[in-house]
C-alpha cells in the first residue's frame, strides 16, 4: 500500500446534495423544500419542540412538584495492592489513608477492591469491600469491618 492509493472506506463518504440545478437532477424547482409554508422560506426555522401546531410534549405532560432528587454516592476506590506500604496490624480507615497519602481527602464512601496482592495483615474499616478484596485481606491475616453508610438526604456528593 502506498500513500497515493489510500482511499476512504466504501460507503463512508457521501456526495453533497446539489439543489436547485434543474429538474433532471431530482432536486430542482423547489429544491427539496416542498410547496409554500414556513419551511420553504429562506432563513425560517421552527422553534425547539415545535410539533406542527399539535400541543407539544412539554405542554401535554403535567408539572411534577416536590420531586426528590436521587442522591448518588461517589465512591472512592482503593485496591488492596496499594495498602502494602502500611504498617502490619494497623487499623485502616479513610482518615489513616489520608495520613499515608494514599487518598487526598477523607471520604464517607470508601470502597476497597481486590486488585493486586496484599502481603501485610491489616484491620480494614470501609463502607464497602468486594468479595475478592475480603478474601485477600483475610488470607493475609487481616480482618474486615464494613461501616454502614449514612443514608440521610444531605449526603455529600
N, C-alpha and C. Protein backbone atom coordinates (compact mmCIF):
# COMPACT_ATOMS: atom_id res chain seq x y z
N UNK A 1 0.84 -1.18 0.00
CA UNK A 1 0.00 0.00 0.00
C UNK A 1 0.89 1.25 0.00
N UNK A 2 0.55 2.17 -0.89
CA UNK A 2 1.30 3.41 -1.00
C UNK A 2 0.42 4.58 -0.60
N UNK A 3 1.04 5.70 -0.32
CA UNK A 3 0.32 6.88 0.13
C UNK A 3 -0.70 7.35 -0.89
N UNK A 4 -0.39 7.19 -2.17
CA UNK A 4 -1.30 7.63 -3.22
C UNK A 4 -2.48 6.70 -3.41
N UNK A 5 -2.45 5.50 -2.82
CA UNK A 5 -3.52 4.53 -3.00
C UNK A 5 -4.55 4.58 -1.87
N UNK A 6 -4.33 5.43 -0.86
CA UNK A 6 -5.24 5.48 0.29
C UNK A 6 -6.57 6.11 -0.12
N UNK A 7 -7.66 5.43 0.19
CA UNK A 7 -9.00 5.92 -0.10
C UNK A 7 -9.89 5.70 1.11
N UNK A 8 -10.93 6.51 1.28
CA UNK A 8 -11.85 6.27 2.39
C UNK A 8 -12.60 4.96 2.20
N UNK A 9 -13.08 4.37 3.28
CA UNK A 9 -13.80 3.11 3.22
C UNK A 9 -15.06 3.25 2.38
N UNK A 10 -15.46 2.17 1.73
CA UNK A 10 -16.63 2.17 0.87
C UNK A 10 -17.88 2.54 1.66
N UNK A 11 -18.59 3.58 1.23
CA UNK A 11 -19.82 3.99 1.89
C UNK A 11 -19.63 4.98 3.03
N UNK A 12 -18.38 5.34 3.36
CA UNK A 12 -18.15 6.27 4.47
C UNK A 12 -18.29 7.72 4.03
N UNK A 13 -18.16 8.01 2.77
CA UNK A 13 -18.27 9.37 2.26
C UNK A 13 -19.50 9.46 1.35
N UNK A 14 -20.20 10.57 1.41
CA UNK A 14 -21.42 10.73 0.63
C UNK A 14 -21.34 12.05 -0.13
N UNK A 15 -21.77 12.07 -1.36
CA UNK A 15 -21.75 13.30 -2.14
C UNK A 15 -22.79 14.26 -1.58
N UNK A 16 -22.46 15.57 -1.58
CA UNK A 16 -23.40 16.56 -1.08
C UNK A 16 -24.58 16.70 -2.04
N UNK A 17 -25.75 17.03 -1.47
CA UNK A 17 -26.97 17.19 -2.26
C UNK A 17 -26.91 18.53 -2.97
N UNK A 18 -26.84 18.54 -4.30
CA UNK A 18 -26.77 19.78 -5.07
C UNK A 18 -28.19 20.15 -5.48
N UNK A 19 -28.74 21.14 -4.78
CA UNK A 19 -30.13 21.52 -5.01
C UNK A 19 -30.21 22.71 -5.95
N UNK A 20 -31.36 22.85 -6.60
CA UNK A 20 -31.58 23.99 -7.50
C UNK A 20 -30.80 23.91 -8.78
N UNK A 21 -30.54 22.71 -9.31
CA UNK A 21 -29.76 22.54 -10.53
C UNK A 21 -30.59 21.94 -11.65
N UNK A 22 -31.89 22.24 -11.69
CA UNK A 22 -32.75 21.77 -12.76
C UNK A 22 -33.49 20.50 -12.40
N UNK A 23 -34.58 20.26 -13.15
CA UNK A 23 -35.45 19.12 -12.84
C UNK A 23 -34.74 17.78 -13.03
N UNK A 24 -33.84 17.68 -13.95
CA UNK A 24 -33.18 16.40 -14.24
C UNK A 24 -32.34 15.93 -13.04
N UNK A 25 -31.92 16.85 -12.19
CA UNK A 25 -31.10 16.45 -11.05
C UNK A 25 -31.91 15.76 -9.96
N UNK A 26 -33.25 15.95 -9.99
CA UNK A 26 -34.11 15.38 -8.95
C UNK A 26 -34.26 16.32 -7.76
N UNK A 27 -33.47 17.41 -7.76
CA UNK A 27 -33.56 18.40 -6.68
C UNK A 27 -33.76 19.78 -7.26
N UNK A 28 -34.54 19.89 -8.33
CA UNK A 28 -34.76 21.16 -8.98
C UNK A 28 -36.01 21.85 -8.46
N UNK A 29 -36.45 22.87 -9.13
CA UNK A 29 -37.63 23.69 -8.82
C UNK A 29 -37.68 24.11 -7.36
N UNK A 30 -38.32 23.34 -6.48
CA UNK A 30 -38.47 23.76 -5.08
C UNK A 30 -37.25 23.39 -4.24
N UNK A 31 -36.26 22.74 -4.80
CA UNK A 31 -35.01 22.39 -4.13
C UNK A 31 -35.23 21.61 -2.83
N UNK A 32 -36.11 20.63 -2.88
CA UNK A 32 -36.44 19.70 -1.79
C UNK A 32 -37.11 20.38 -0.60
N UNK A 33 -37.60 21.64 -0.77
CA UNK A 33 -38.22 22.35 0.34
C UNK A 33 -39.74 22.19 0.37
N UNK A 34 -40.33 21.60 -0.62
CA UNK A 34 -41.79 21.47 -0.65
C UNK A 34 -42.44 22.74 -1.16
N UNK A 35 -43.79 22.77 -1.16
CA UNK A 35 -44.53 23.91 -1.70
C UNK A 35 -45.05 24.79 -0.58
N UNK A 36 -44.72 26.06 -0.61
CA UNK A 36 -45.19 27.07 0.36
C UNK A 36 -44.99 26.64 1.82
N UNK A 37 -45.37 27.49 2.73
CA UNK A 37 -45.25 27.18 4.14
C UNK A 37 -43.95 27.69 4.75
N UNK A 38 -43.87 27.56 6.05
CA UNK A 38 -42.75 28.15 6.80
C UNK A 38 -41.40 27.58 6.38
N UNK A 39 -41.33 26.27 6.16
CA UNK A 39 -40.06 25.64 5.85
C UNK A 39 -39.54 25.96 4.48
N UNK A 40 -40.40 26.52 3.61
CA UNK A 40 -39.98 26.80 2.24
C UNK A 40 -39.28 28.14 2.14
N UNK A 41 -39.50 29.03 3.11
CA UNK A 41 -38.92 30.37 3.06
C UNK A 41 -37.46 30.37 3.52
N UNK A 42 -36.70 31.31 3.02
CA UNK A 42 -35.29 31.42 3.39
C UNK A 42 -35.16 31.93 4.82
N UNK A 43 -34.24 31.34 5.57
CA UNK A 43 -33.97 31.81 6.92
C UNK A 43 -34.97 31.38 7.97
N UNK A 44 -36.00 30.66 7.58
CA UNK A 44 -37.05 30.27 8.54
C UNK A 44 -36.64 29.00 9.28
N UNK A 45 -36.93 28.96 10.56
CA UNK A 45 -36.69 27.74 11.33
C UNK A 45 -37.74 27.65 12.42
N UNK A 46 -38.19 26.45 12.70
CA UNK A 46 -39.19 26.25 13.73
C UNK A 46 -38.50 26.19 15.08
N UNK A 47 -39.20 26.64 16.13
CA UNK A 47 -38.60 26.65 17.46
C UNK A 47 -38.44 25.23 17.98
N UNK A 48 -37.58 25.08 18.97
CA UNK A 48 -37.32 23.79 19.57
C UNK A 48 -38.60 23.23 20.18
N UNK A 49 -38.90 21.98 19.90
CA UNK A 49 -40.09 21.33 20.45
C UNK A 49 -41.35 21.55 19.64
N UNK A 50 -41.27 22.27 18.51
CA UNK A 50 -42.45 22.53 17.70
C UNK A 50 -42.90 21.25 17.02
N UNK A 51 -44.21 20.96 17.08
CA UNK A 51 -44.75 19.72 16.52
C UNK A 51 -45.82 20.00 15.48
N UNK A 52 -45.65 21.05 14.67
CA UNK A 52 -46.56 21.32 13.59
C UNK A 52 -47.90 21.87 14.04
N UNK A 53 -47.97 22.50 15.17
CA UNK A 53 -49.23 23.06 15.66
C UNK A 53 -49.90 22.18 16.70
N UNK A 54 -49.55 20.90 16.73
CA UNK A 54 -50.05 20.00 17.78
C UNK A 54 -49.50 20.45 19.12
N UNK A 55 -50.28 20.29 20.19
CA UNK A 55 -49.79 20.68 21.52
C UNK A 55 -48.51 19.89 21.80
N UNK A 56 -47.41 20.59 22.03
CA UNK A 56 -46.13 19.89 22.17
C UNK A 56 -46.04 19.07 23.45
N UNK A 57 -45.11 18.14 23.47
CA UNK A 57 -44.97 17.21 24.57
C UNK A 57 -44.76 17.92 25.90
N UNK A 58 -43.96 18.97 25.93
CA UNK A 58 -43.67 19.63 27.21
C UNK A 58 -44.91 20.32 27.78
N UNK A 59 -45.92 20.60 26.95
CA UNK A 59 -47.16 21.18 27.47
C UNK A 59 -48.21 20.12 27.77
N UNK A 60 -48.07 18.94 27.16
CA UNK A 60 -49.00 17.85 27.43
C UNK A 60 -48.73 17.18 28.76
N UNK A 61 -47.46 17.16 29.19
CA UNK A 61 -47.10 16.48 30.43
C UNK A 61 -47.41 17.37 31.63
N UNK A 62 -47.85 16.77 32.73
CA UNK A 62 -48.13 17.58 33.92
C UNK A 62 -46.84 18.06 34.58
N UNK A 63 -46.96 19.13 35.36
CA UNK A 63 -45.82 19.60 36.13
C UNK A 63 -45.61 18.64 37.30
N UNK A 64 -44.38 18.33 37.59
CA UNK A 64 -44.08 17.42 38.69
C UNK A 64 -43.52 18.25 39.83
N UNK A 65 -44.30 18.37 40.90
CA UNK A 65 -43.87 19.15 42.06
C UNK A 65 -43.33 18.23 43.14
N UNK A 66 -42.52 18.76 44.01
CA UNK A 66 -41.98 18.05 45.16
C UNK A 66 -41.26 16.76 44.77
N UNK A 67 -40.56 16.79 43.67
CA UNK A 67 -39.82 15.61 43.23
C UNK A 67 -38.47 15.59 43.92
N UNK A 68 -38.22 14.57 44.72
CA UNK A 68 -36.95 14.45 45.43
C UNK A 68 -35.87 14.00 44.46
N UNK A 69 -34.75 14.71 44.48
CA UNK A 69 -33.64 14.31 43.62
C UNK A 69 -32.99 13.06 44.18
N UNK A 70 -32.57 12.19 43.29
CA UNK A 70 -31.88 10.98 43.68
C UNK A 70 -30.45 11.34 44.02
N UNK A 71 -30.03 11.03 45.24
CA UNK A 71 -28.67 11.36 45.66
C UNK A 71 -27.77 10.18 45.30
N UNK A 72 -26.78 10.45 44.49
CA UNK A 72 -25.85 9.39 44.09
C UNK A 72 -24.61 9.45 44.97
N UNK A 73 -24.07 8.31 45.24
CA UNK A 73 -22.87 8.21 46.08
C UNK A 73 -21.66 8.10 45.16
N UNK A 74 -20.69 8.96 45.36
CA UNK A 74 -19.46 8.94 44.57
C UNK A 74 -18.41 8.17 45.36
N UNK A 75 -18.19 6.93 44.96
CA UNK A 75 -17.28 6.05 45.68
C UNK A 75 -15.83 6.41 45.41
N UNK A 76 -15.02 6.30 46.46
CA UNK A 76 -13.57 6.45 46.34
C UNK A 76 -13.00 5.04 46.45
N UNK A 77 -12.37 4.58 45.37
CA UNK A 77 -11.93 3.19 45.29
C UNK A 77 -10.43 3.07 45.57
N UNK A 78 -10.09 2.08 46.40
CA UNK A 78 -8.69 1.79 46.72
C UNK A 78 -8.49 0.29 46.55
N UNK A 79 -7.44 -0.09 45.83
CA UNK A 79 -7.13 -1.50 45.64
C UNK A 79 -6.25 -2.01 46.78
N UNK A 80 -6.38 -3.32 47.09
CA UNK A 80 -5.60 -3.90 48.19
C UNK A 80 -4.10 -3.85 47.91
N UNK A 81 -3.72 -3.84 46.64
CA UNK A 81 -2.30 -3.79 46.29
C UNK A 81 -1.63 -2.50 46.75
N UNK A 82 -2.38 -1.41 46.87
CA UNK A 82 -1.80 -0.14 47.28
C UNK A 82 -1.70 -0.01 48.80
N UNK A 83 -2.17 -1.02 49.56
CA UNK A 83 -2.12 -0.97 51.02
C UNK A 83 -0.88 -1.65 51.60
N UNK A 84 -0.01 -2.16 50.75
CA UNK A 84 1.18 -2.88 51.22
C UNK A 84 2.17 -1.98 51.96
N UNK A 85 2.16 -0.69 51.71
CA UNK A 85 3.10 0.22 52.36
C UNK A 85 2.74 0.54 53.81
N UNK A 86 1.57 0.11 54.28
CA UNK A 86 1.13 0.41 55.65
C UNK A 86 1.77 -0.57 56.63
N UNK A 87 1.84 -0.14 57.89
CA UNK A 87 2.44 -0.98 58.93
C UNK A 87 1.55 -2.19 59.22
N UNK A 88 2.17 -3.31 59.60
CA UNK A 88 1.42 -4.53 59.89
C UNK A 88 0.53 -4.34 61.11
N UNK A 89 -0.65 -4.97 61.08
CA UNK A 89 -1.65 -4.94 62.15
C UNK A 89 -2.16 -3.54 62.48
N UNK A 90 -2.04 -2.60 61.55
CA UNK A 90 -2.56 -1.25 61.79
C UNK A 90 -4.01 -1.17 61.33
N UNK A 91 -4.73 -0.21 61.90
CA UNK A 91 -6.13 0.00 61.51
C UNK A 91 -6.16 0.89 60.27
N UNK A 92 -6.96 0.49 59.29
CA UNK A 92 -7.05 1.24 58.04
C UNK A 92 -8.45 1.84 57.94
N UNK A 93 -8.52 3.17 57.93
CA UNK A 93 -9.77 3.90 57.71
C UNK A 93 -9.50 4.97 56.67
N UNK A 94 -10.53 5.73 56.30
CA UNK A 94 -10.34 6.81 55.33
C UNK A 94 -9.35 7.84 55.87
N UNK A 95 -9.42 8.11 57.18
CA UNK A 95 -8.52 9.11 57.78
C UNK A 95 -7.07 8.64 57.77
N UNK A 96 -6.83 7.36 58.06
CA UNK A 96 -5.44 6.86 58.06
C UNK A 96 -4.88 6.77 56.64
N UNK A 97 -5.76 6.56 55.65
CA UNK A 97 -5.30 6.54 54.26
C UNK A 97 -4.90 7.94 53.80
N UNK A 98 -5.55 8.97 54.34
CA UNK A 98 -5.15 10.34 54.02
C UNK A 98 -3.79 10.64 54.63
N UNK A 99 -3.56 10.19 55.88
CA UNK A 99 -2.26 10.39 56.53
C UNK A 99 -1.14 9.67 55.78
N UNK A 100 -1.47 8.48 55.23
CA UNK A 100 -0.47 7.70 54.48
C UNK A 100 -0.32 8.19 53.04
N UNK A 101 -1.09 9.23 52.67
CA UNK A 101 -1.07 9.84 51.34
C UNK A 101 -1.51 8.89 50.23
N UNK A 102 -2.38 7.93 50.58
CA UNK A 102 -2.99 7.06 49.57
C UNK A 102 -4.22 7.76 49.01
N UNK A 103 -4.95 8.50 49.88
CA UNK A 103 -6.09 9.32 49.46
C UNK A 103 -5.73 10.79 49.65
N UNK A 104 -6.38 11.66 48.87
CA UNK A 104 -6.14 13.10 49.01
C UNK A 104 -6.95 13.70 50.14
N UNK A 105 -8.21 13.23 50.34
CA UNK A 105 -9.03 13.75 51.42
C UNK A 105 -9.92 12.64 51.97
N UNK A 106 -10.38 12.81 53.19
CA UNK A 106 -11.21 11.81 53.85
C UNK A 106 -12.57 11.73 53.17
N UNK A 107 -13.19 10.55 53.19
CA UNK A 107 -14.45 10.35 52.49
C UNK A 107 -15.39 9.48 53.31
N UNK A 108 -16.70 9.60 53.04
CA UNK A 108 -17.69 8.73 53.68
C UNK A 108 -18.16 7.65 52.72
N UNK A 109 -17.41 7.43 51.64
CA UNK A 109 -17.76 6.43 50.64
C UNK A 109 -16.51 5.67 50.18
N UNK A 110 -15.87 4.97 51.11
CA UNK A 110 -14.63 4.26 50.80
C UNK A 110 -14.94 2.84 50.36
N UNK A 111 -14.39 2.46 49.23
CA UNK A 111 -14.63 1.13 48.66
C UNK A 111 -13.29 0.45 48.45
N UNK A 112 -13.12 -0.74 49.01
CA UNK A 112 -11.87 -1.50 48.86
C UNK A 112 -12.09 -2.57 47.79
N UNK A 113 -11.23 -2.56 46.77
CA UNK A 113 -11.32 -3.52 45.66
C UNK A 113 -10.13 -4.48 45.70
N UNK A 114 -10.26 -5.61 45.01
CA UNK A 114 -9.30 -6.69 45.15
C UNK A 114 -8.19 -6.77 44.13
N UNK A 115 -7.81 -5.66 43.50
CA UNK A 115 -6.75 -5.70 42.51
C UNK A 115 -5.38 -5.63 43.20
N UNK A 116 -4.50 -6.55 42.89
CA UNK A 116 -3.17 -6.58 43.48
C UNK A 116 -3.07 -7.62 44.59
N UNK A 117 -1.86 -7.76 45.14
CA UNK A 117 -1.61 -8.73 46.21
C UNK A 117 -1.37 -7.99 47.52
N UNK A 118 -1.90 -8.53 48.62
CA UNK A 118 -1.70 -7.94 49.94
C UNK A 118 -0.78 -8.85 50.74
N UNK A 119 0.33 -8.29 51.25
CA UNK A 119 1.32 -9.08 51.98
C UNK A 119 1.36 -8.72 53.46
N UNK A 120 0.52 -7.77 53.89
CA UNK A 120 0.54 -7.27 55.26
C UNK A 120 -0.83 -7.50 55.89
N UNK A 121 -0.85 -7.97 57.16
CA UNK A 121 -2.11 -8.15 57.87
C UNK A 121 -2.61 -6.79 58.35
N UNK A 122 -3.85 -6.43 57.96
CA UNK A 122 -4.41 -5.13 58.31
C UNK A 122 -5.83 -5.29 58.84
N UNK A 123 -6.25 -4.33 59.69
CA UNK A 123 -7.63 -4.26 60.17
C UNK A 123 -8.30 -3.14 59.40
N UNK A 124 -9.13 -3.52 58.42
CA UNK A 124 -9.69 -2.55 57.49
C UNK A 124 -11.13 -2.23 57.85
N UNK A 125 -11.45 -0.92 57.92
CA UNK A 125 -12.81 -0.43 58.11
C UNK A 125 -13.17 0.42 56.90
N UNK A 126 -14.16 -0.04 56.11
CA UNK A 126 -14.57 0.68 54.91
C UNK A 126 -16.07 0.57 54.74
N UNK A 127 -16.63 1.37 53.84
CA UNK A 127 -18.07 1.36 53.60
C UNK A 127 -18.49 0.23 52.67
N UNK A 128 -17.55 -0.28 51.89
CA UNK A 128 -17.82 -1.43 51.02
C UNK A 128 -16.51 -2.15 50.75
N UNK A 129 -16.55 -3.48 50.80
CA UNK A 129 -15.38 -4.30 50.50
C UNK A 129 -15.84 -5.39 49.53
N UNK A 130 -15.16 -5.50 48.40
CA UNK A 130 -15.54 -6.52 47.43
C UNK A 130 -15.18 -7.91 47.95
N UNK A 131 -15.81 -8.93 47.37
CA UNK A 131 -15.59 -10.31 47.82
C UNK A 131 -14.14 -10.73 47.62
N UNK A 132 -13.54 -10.35 46.47
CA UNK A 132 -12.14 -10.69 46.20
C UNK A 132 -11.19 -10.00 47.16
N UNK A 133 -11.49 -8.73 47.50
CA UNK A 133 -10.65 -7.99 48.43
C UNK A 133 -10.74 -8.60 49.82
N UNK A 134 -11.94 -8.99 50.24
CA UNK A 134 -12.13 -9.59 51.56
C UNK A 134 -11.34 -10.89 51.68
N UNK A 135 -11.38 -11.70 50.63
CA UNK A 135 -10.65 -12.96 50.63
C UNK A 135 -9.14 -12.73 50.75
N UNK A 136 -8.61 -11.73 50.03
CA UNK A 136 -7.18 -11.44 50.07
C UNK A 136 -6.75 -10.88 51.42
N UNK A 137 -7.60 -10.04 52.02
CA UNK A 137 -7.27 -9.45 53.33
C UNK A 137 -7.23 -10.54 54.40
N UNK A 138 -8.24 -11.42 54.39
CA UNK A 138 -8.29 -12.50 55.38
C UNK A 138 -7.20 -13.53 55.15
N UNK A 139 -6.79 -13.76 53.89
CA UNK A 139 -5.71 -14.69 53.59
C UNK A 139 -4.37 -14.15 54.11
N UNK A 140 -4.23 -12.81 54.14
CA UNK A 140 -3.00 -12.20 54.64
C UNK A 140 -3.01 -12.11 56.17
N UNK A 141 -4.11 -12.51 56.81
CA UNK A 141 -4.18 -12.50 58.27
C UNK A 141 -4.87 -11.27 58.84
N UNK A 142 -5.51 -10.50 58.01
CA UNK A 142 -6.19 -9.28 58.46
C UNK A 142 -7.67 -9.51 58.70
N UNK A 143 -8.37 -8.43 59.05
CA UNK A 143 -9.81 -8.50 59.28
C UNK A 143 -10.50 -7.34 58.59
N UNK A 144 -11.82 -7.53 58.34
CA UNK A 144 -12.61 -6.53 57.61
C UNK A 144 -13.81 -6.13 58.45
N UNK A 145 -14.03 -4.82 58.56
CA UNK A 145 -15.22 -4.29 59.22
C UNK A 145 -15.91 -3.35 58.23
N UNK A 146 -17.20 -3.66 57.91
CA UNK A 146 -17.94 -2.84 56.95
C UNK A 146 -18.73 -1.79 57.73
N UNK A 147 -18.50 -0.51 57.42
CA UNK A 147 -19.20 0.60 58.05
C UNK A 147 -20.50 0.83 57.28
N UNK A 148 -21.62 0.95 58.00
CA UNK A 148 -22.89 1.23 57.34
C UNK A 148 -22.89 2.68 56.85
N UNK A 149 -23.24 2.90 55.57
CA UNK A 149 -23.22 4.27 55.05
C UNK A 149 -24.36 5.11 55.64
N UNK A 150 -24.12 6.40 55.74
CA UNK A 150 -25.12 7.34 56.23
C UNK A 150 -26.16 7.56 55.14
N UNK A 151 -27.44 7.30 55.43
CA UNK A 151 -28.48 7.37 54.40
C UNK A 151 -29.33 8.64 54.52
N UNK A 152 -28.76 9.73 55.03
CA UNK A 152 -29.51 10.98 55.13
C UNK A 152 -29.59 11.65 53.78
N UNK A 153 -30.56 12.59 53.61
CA UNK A 153 -30.73 13.28 52.36
C UNK A 153 -29.58 14.22 52.06
N UNK A 154 -28.91 14.68 53.08
CA UNK A 154 -27.82 15.63 52.88
C UNK A 154 -26.47 14.95 52.76
N UNK A 155 -26.45 13.77 52.11
CA UNK A 155 -25.18 13.05 51.91
C UNK A 155 -24.28 13.85 50.98
N UNK A 156 -22.99 13.79 51.24
CA UNK A 156 -22.04 14.53 50.41
C UNK A 156 -22.00 13.95 49.02
N UNK A 157 -21.77 14.82 48.04
CA UNK A 157 -21.69 14.36 46.66
C UNK A 157 -20.26 14.24 46.23
